[in-house]
Protein backbone atom coordinates (compact mmCIF):
# COMPACT_ATOMS: atom_id res chain seq x y z
CA MET A 1 -63.02 86.48 10.13
CA VAL A 2 -63.79 85.52 6.14
CA ALA A 3 -61.95 88.80 5.08
CA ALA A 4 -59.16 88.27 7.52
CA SER A 5 -58.91 84.79 5.41
CA LYS A 6 -59.41 85.93 2.26
CA ALA A 7 -56.60 88.71 2.77
CA MET A 8 -53.99 85.86 3.98
CA TRP A 9 -55.34 83.86 0.88
CA LEU A 10 -54.76 86.65 -1.43
CA ARG A 11 -51.32 87.66 0.19
CA VAL A 12 -49.93 84.12 -0.56
CA SER A 13 -51.53 83.94 -4.07
CA CYS A 14 -49.58 87.63 -4.99
CA GLY A 15 -46.25 86.20 -3.52
CA ALA A 16 -46.38 83.20 -5.61
CA TYR A 17 -47.41 85.08 -8.73
CA LEU A 18 -44.08 87.31 -8.25
CA LEU A 19 -42.04 83.99 -7.83
CA LEU A 20 -43.73 83.08 -10.89
CA LEU A 21 -42.63 85.62 -12.77
CA ALA A 22 -39.12 85.57 -11.18
CA ALA A 23 -38.72 81.91 -12.26
CA THR A 24 -40.24 82.95 -16.02
CA ASP A 25 -37.34 85.52 -16.47
CA VAL A 26 -34.76 85.58 -13.77
CA ALA A 27 -32.83 88.57 -15.48
CA ASN A 28 -35.64 90.76 -16.14
CA PRO A 29 -39.12 89.18 -14.55
CA LEU A 30 -41.20 92.01 -14.88
CA GLN A 31 -39.98 93.97 -18.05
CA ALA A 32 -41.39 91.28 -20.30
CA ALA A 33 -44.83 91.81 -19.02
CA LEU A 34 -44.13 95.28 -20.05
CA ASP A 35 -43.04 94.49 -23.50
CA ALA A 36 -45.39 91.98 -24.14
CA ASP A 37 -47.12 94.09 -27.35
CA GLY A 38 -43.19 93.73 -28.60
CA ASP A 39 -43.01 97.69 -28.96
CA CYS A 40 -39.90 97.55 -26.57
CA GLN A 41 -37.41 100.45 -28.33
CA GLY A 42 -34.73 102.41 -26.71
CA SER A 43 -35.42 103.82 -23.32
CA ASP A 44 -38.66 101.43 -23.45
CA CYS A 45 -36.15 98.64 -22.15
CA ALA A 46 -34.72 100.66 -19.00
CA LEU A 47 -35.65 99.19 -15.57
CA SER A 48 -36.08 101.75 -13.42
CA ALA A 49 -35.27 101.40 -9.90
CA LEU A 50 -38.93 100.82 -9.16
CA GLN A 51 -38.78 97.28 -11.22
CA VAL A 52 -35.58 96.19 -9.79
CA ARG A 53 -36.60 96.61 -6.33
CA ALA A 54 -40.47 95.20 -7.19
CA SER A 55 -38.75 92.01 -8.66
CA ALA A 56 -36.30 91.43 -5.83
CA GLU A 57 -38.96 91.52 -2.90
CA GLY A 58 -41.15 88.97 -3.87
CA SER A 59 -44.02 90.29 -1.25
CA CYS A 60 -47.27 91.91 -1.24
CA GLY A 61 -47.63 94.32 1.68
CA PHE A 62 -51.11 95.75 0.52
CA SER A 63 -53.88 94.68 2.55
CA PHE A 64 -57.21 93.80 1.11
CA SER A 65 -59.13 92.75 4.09
CA ASP A 66 -60.92 96.15 4.57
CA CYS A 67 -61.86 95.58 0.70
CA PHE A 68 -64.42 92.99 1.70
CA ALA A 69 -65.76 94.38 5.11
CA THR A 70 -69.34 94.05 5.54
CA ASP A 71 -70.11 96.79 7.69
CA GLU A 72 -71.29 100.28 5.85
CA THR A 73 -68.74 102.07 7.74
CA SER A 74 -65.42 100.16 6.80
CA SER A 75 -65.63 101.82 3.55
CA SER A 76 -65.82 105.30 4.38
CA SER A 77 -62.84 104.97 6.39
CA LEU A 78 -60.17 103.59 3.86
CA ASP A 79 -57.20 105.43 4.05
CA PRO A 80 -55.46 106.95 0.80
CA LEU A 81 -52.17 105.59 0.65
CA THR A 82 -48.37 106.38 0.94
CA SER A 83 -47.39 108.74 -2.09
CA LEU A 84 -45.03 107.12 -4.74
CA SER A 85 -41.56 108.85 -5.52
CA ALA A 86 -41.80 110.04 -8.79
CA SER A 87 -38.28 109.74 -9.73
CA LEU A 88 -38.90 106.25 -9.95
CA TYR A 89 -40.81 106.21 -12.76
CA ASP A 90 -38.89 108.57 -15.12
CA ASP A 91 -36.77 105.87 -16.61
CA LEU A 92 -40.19 104.23 -17.47
CA ILE A 93 -42.10 107.11 -19.55
CA MET A 94 -39.99 109.82 -19.70
CA PRO A 95 -38.85 111.51 -22.02
CA ALA A 96 -42.05 112.60 -23.81
CA PRO A 97 -42.79 112.18 -27.15
CA ALA A 98 -43.01 115.16 -29.73
CA MET A 99 -45.31 117.56 -28.16
CA ASN A 100 -47.60 117.58 -31.08
CA GLY A 101 -47.67 113.90 -31.47
CA THR A 102 -45.26 111.43 -33.61
CA THR A 103 -45.83 110.47 -37.10
CA GLU A 104 -46.83 107.20 -35.79
CA ASP A 105 -49.10 109.20 -33.68
CA MET A 106 -51.01 111.19 -36.22
CA ALA A 107 -51.30 107.92 -38.81
CA ALA A 108 -52.90 106.23 -36.21
CA LEU A 109 -55.59 108.54 -34.71
CA ARG A 110 -56.02 109.43 -38.51
CA TYR A 111 -56.89 105.75 -39.65
CA ASN A 112 -58.86 105.40 -36.34
CA LEU A 113 -61.14 108.21 -37.03
CA LEU A 114 -61.75 107.17 -40.57
CA ALA A 115 -62.27 103.47 -39.84
CA ASN A 116 -64.45 103.60 -36.88
CA SER A 117 -67.75 101.95 -37.62
CA ALA A 118 -70.98 103.25 -35.26
CA SER A 119 -70.61 99.86 -33.30
CA THR A 120 -66.81 100.52 -32.57
CA VAL A 121 -67.58 104.03 -31.28
CA LEU A 122 -70.63 102.93 -28.85
CA THR A 123 -68.34 100.38 -27.27
CA GLN A 124 -65.82 102.92 -26.30
CA TRP A 125 -68.45 104.55 -24.23
CA SER A 126 -68.35 101.81 -21.90
CA PHE A 127 -65.25 103.00 -20.85
CA LEU A 128 -65.62 106.87 -19.68
CA SER A 129 -64.97 106.38 -15.94
CA ASP A 130 -61.60 106.43 -15.01
CA GLN A 131 -62.25 106.27 -10.84
CA ASN A 132 -65.10 103.44 -11.45
CA ILE A 133 -64.87 99.69 -11.75
CA PHE A 134 -68.36 98.99 -13.35
CA ALA A 135 -66.56 98.09 -16.49
CA TYR A 136 -65.06 94.94 -15.22
CA SER A 137 -68.83 93.53 -13.73
CA ALA A 138 -69.13 91.46 -16.86
CA ALA A 139 -65.65 89.94 -16.52
CA VAL A 140 -65.75 89.54 -12.92
CA GLY A 141 -69.70 87.93 -13.32
CA ALA A 142 -71.04 90.02 -11.00
CA ASN A 143 -72.27 94.01 -10.16
CA LEU A 144 -69.43 95.11 -8.57
CA GLU A 145 -71.27 98.70 -7.78
CA ARG A 146 -74.13 96.88 -6.24
CA ASP A 147 -72.80 93.83 -4.60
CA ALA A 148 -68.94 95.04 -3.68
CA PRO A 149 -69.56 98.56 -3.09
CA THR A 150 -66.94 98.30 -0.31
CA LEU A 151 -64.56 97.17 -2.99
CA SER A 152 -65.43 99.84 -5.36
CA ALA A 153 -64.01 102.12 -2.25
CA CYS A 154 -61.16 100.38 -1.77
CA ILE A 155 -60.57 100.29 -5.37
CA VAL A 156 -60.56 104.37 -4.62
CA ALA A 157 -57.85 104.16 -1.86
CA PHE A 158 -55.70 102.21 -3.70
CA TYR A 159 -55.68 104.46 -6.99
CA LYS A 160 -55.44 107.64 -5.13
CA PRO A 161 -51.30 108.21 -4.90
CA ILE A 162 -51.10 106.26 -8.50
CA HIS A 163 -54.06 109.15 -9.68
CA ALA A 164 -51.48 111.75 -7.90
CA LEU A 165 -48.09 110.11 -9.47
CA LYS A 166 -49.92 110.59 -13.11
CA ASP A 167 -51.29 113.97 -12.62
CA TYR A 168 -47.55 114.93 -11.73
CA PHE A 169 -46.21 114.01 -15.12
CA LYS A 170 -49.18 115.57 -16.90
CA GLU A 171 -47.94 118.60 -15.12
CA LYS A 172 -44.40 118.00 -15.94
CA VAL A 173 -44.71 117.61 -19.49
CA LYS A 174 -47.93 119.74 -20.18
CA ARG A 175 -48.49 117.83 -23.46
CA PRO A 176 -51.75 119.35 -24.98
CA ARG A 177 -54.37 116.96 -26.19
CA PRO A 178 -54.62 115.64 -29.79
CA PHE A 179 -57.40 117.30 -30.68
CA VAL A 180 -56.34 120.77 -29.42
CA ALA A 181 -52.99 120.41 -31.53
CA HIS A 182 -54.81 119.59 -34.49
CA PRO A 183 -58.20 121.01 -34.65
CA ASP A 184 -59.54 119.21 -37.88
CA LEU A 185 -59.56 115.91 -35.35
CA LYS A 186 -62.73 115.02 -34.10
CA PRO A 187 -62.96 112.90 -31.10
CA CYS A 188 -65.59 110.39 -30.69
CA LEU A 189 -65.88 110.21 -27.10
CA PRO A 190 -66.71 113.99 -24.79
CA GLU A 191 -63.20 116.09 -25.21
CA GLU A 192 -61.39 116.44 -22.01
CA PHE A 193 -58.92 119.64 -21.85
CA THR A 194 -56.69 118.44 -19.18
CA PHE A 195 -52.64 117.43 -20.16
CA SER A 196 -52.59 114.40 -22.58
CA TYR A 197 -49.37 112.71 -21.29
CA PRO A 198 -49.55 110.01 -19.80
CA SER A 199 -53.42 109.28 -20.09
CA GLY A 200 -55.03 108.87 -16.85
CA HIS A 201 -57.39 106.53 -18.05
CA ALA A 202 -55.03 104.32 -19.21
CA THR A 203 -53.32 104.42 -16.02
CA PHE A 204 -56.69 103.67 -14.23
CA TYR A 205 -57.43 100.52 -16.28
CA ALA A 206 -53.79 99.28 -15.93
CA ALA A 207 -53.53 99.54 -12.30
CA THR A 208 -57.03 98.41 -11.83
CA GLU A 209 -56.45 94.79 -13.66
CA GLU A 210 -53.38 93.96 -11.52
CA LEU A 211 -55.41 94.91 -8.34
CA LEU A 212 -58.46 92.52 -9.84
CA GLY A 213 -56.52 90.37 -11.05
CA ALA A 214 -54.98 89.34 -8.20
CA TRP A 215 -58.45 88.56 -6.28
CA PHE A 216 -60.01 87.15 -9.19
CA PRO A 217 -57.34 84.90 -11.31
CA LEU A 218 -59.70 82.68 -12.81
CA GLN A 219 -60.75 85.81 -14.46
CA ARG A 220 -57.62 87.41 -14.99
CA ASP A 221 -57.88 87.08 -18.68
CA ARG A 222 -61.27 88.52 -19.34
CA ILE A 223 -60.06 91.22 -17.00
CA GLY A 224 -56.99 92.16 -19.01
CA TYR A 225 -59.29 92.09 -22.06
CA VAL A 226 -61.27 94.77 -20.25
CA SER A 227 -58.12 96.36 -19.28
CA SER A 228 -56.51 96.58 -22.86
CA SER A 229 -60.00 97.88 -24.16
CA GLY A 230 -60.15 100.70 -21.63
CA VAL A 231 -56.46 101.36 -22.62
CA GLY A 232 -57.35 101.12 -26.18
CA ALA A 233 -60.43 103.62 -26.13
CA ARG A 234 -58.18 106.79 -25.52
CA ALA A 235 -56.72 106.72 -28.99
CA THR A 236 -59.54 104.90 -30.79
CA CYS A 237 -61.29 108.16 -30.63
CA ALA A 238 -58.79 110.45 -30.44
CA VAL A 239 -58.85 111.50 -27.16
CA HIS A 240 -55.58 110.85 -26.61
CA TYR A 241 -52.32 110.00 -28.94
CA PRO A 242 -51.54 106.36 -28.64
CA SER A 243 -47.97 107.17 -27.07
CA ASP A 244 -50.04 108.59 -24.34
CA ALA A 245 -51.99 105.40 -23.39
CA ASN A 246 -48.81 103.19 -23.87
CA ALA A 247 -47.06 105.87 -20.97
CA GLY A 248 -50.33 105.28 -19.17
CA ARG A 249 -50.34 101.62 -19.39
CA LYS A 250 -47.21 100.96 -18.25
CA LEU A 251 -47.43 103.91 -15.60
CA GLY A 252 -50.55 102.16 -14.44
CA LYS A 253 -48.99 98.76 -14.11
CA MET A 254 -45.89 99.53 -12.47
CA ALA A 255 -47.22 101.92 -9.85
CA ALA A 256 -50.06 99.26 -9.11
CA ILE A 257 -47.50 96.55 -8.13
CA GLU A 258 -45.74 99.05 -6.07
CA VAL A 259 -48.58 99.92 -4.37
CA MET A 260 -49.68 96.26 -3.53
CA GLN A 261 -46.10 96.19 -2.27
CA MET A 262 -46.63 98.76 0.50
CA PRO A 263 -46.41 97.55 4.42
CA GLN A 264 -49.83 98.48 5.78
């Protein structure tokens, strides 16, 4: 009964959130959020079919009731959500930047590795996982792994189609990691050898921000701070180009909005 009430409350809140976006910028309600960092240039500003549809629907179809169920069997029975259509996201992150990094990418990476202090490097290790929400515990004010195991399982189900979408673009672009293309770069996080564009970690943190921010609206600023830090860690430690992280941020945000509108 409590779970059902929470789910209903969230649907109403999420609908109000989208209506607020529409009232803020009727012509382009979602692009403002994407370009809040002021990096809107050229194709960056193009609205995909997904964004147009998301701004027009004004409803949240993602059902959260199972995420907060109390029995142990419910968390293991959460089914992955419907797959996402990659073609809807082409305008958002394609075409990809230069394969071996843009001039801006390389300047940022070399500066980061020279400027990183010991405390900066240690902080980045808090964001190693791209499947687990433990990094958000401080933002929410609870040990999410211990106190909300079903919510953690729900994140996996929520993220699975987004993860597959991210992998599609990685395989399509096949951009090598910066430390592979430039062996003189020495990352301060463990090296990973999947393709670089877009960043999977950045996609995860941006997507998770949308889900947790809808459920914990009073902590949304803190959740956003964690997400921004998780996205930024990839370029701070040179395991991704900044353009990888930026693409992952955009992909994760918009894919999460799409998933939350899927009828369940």
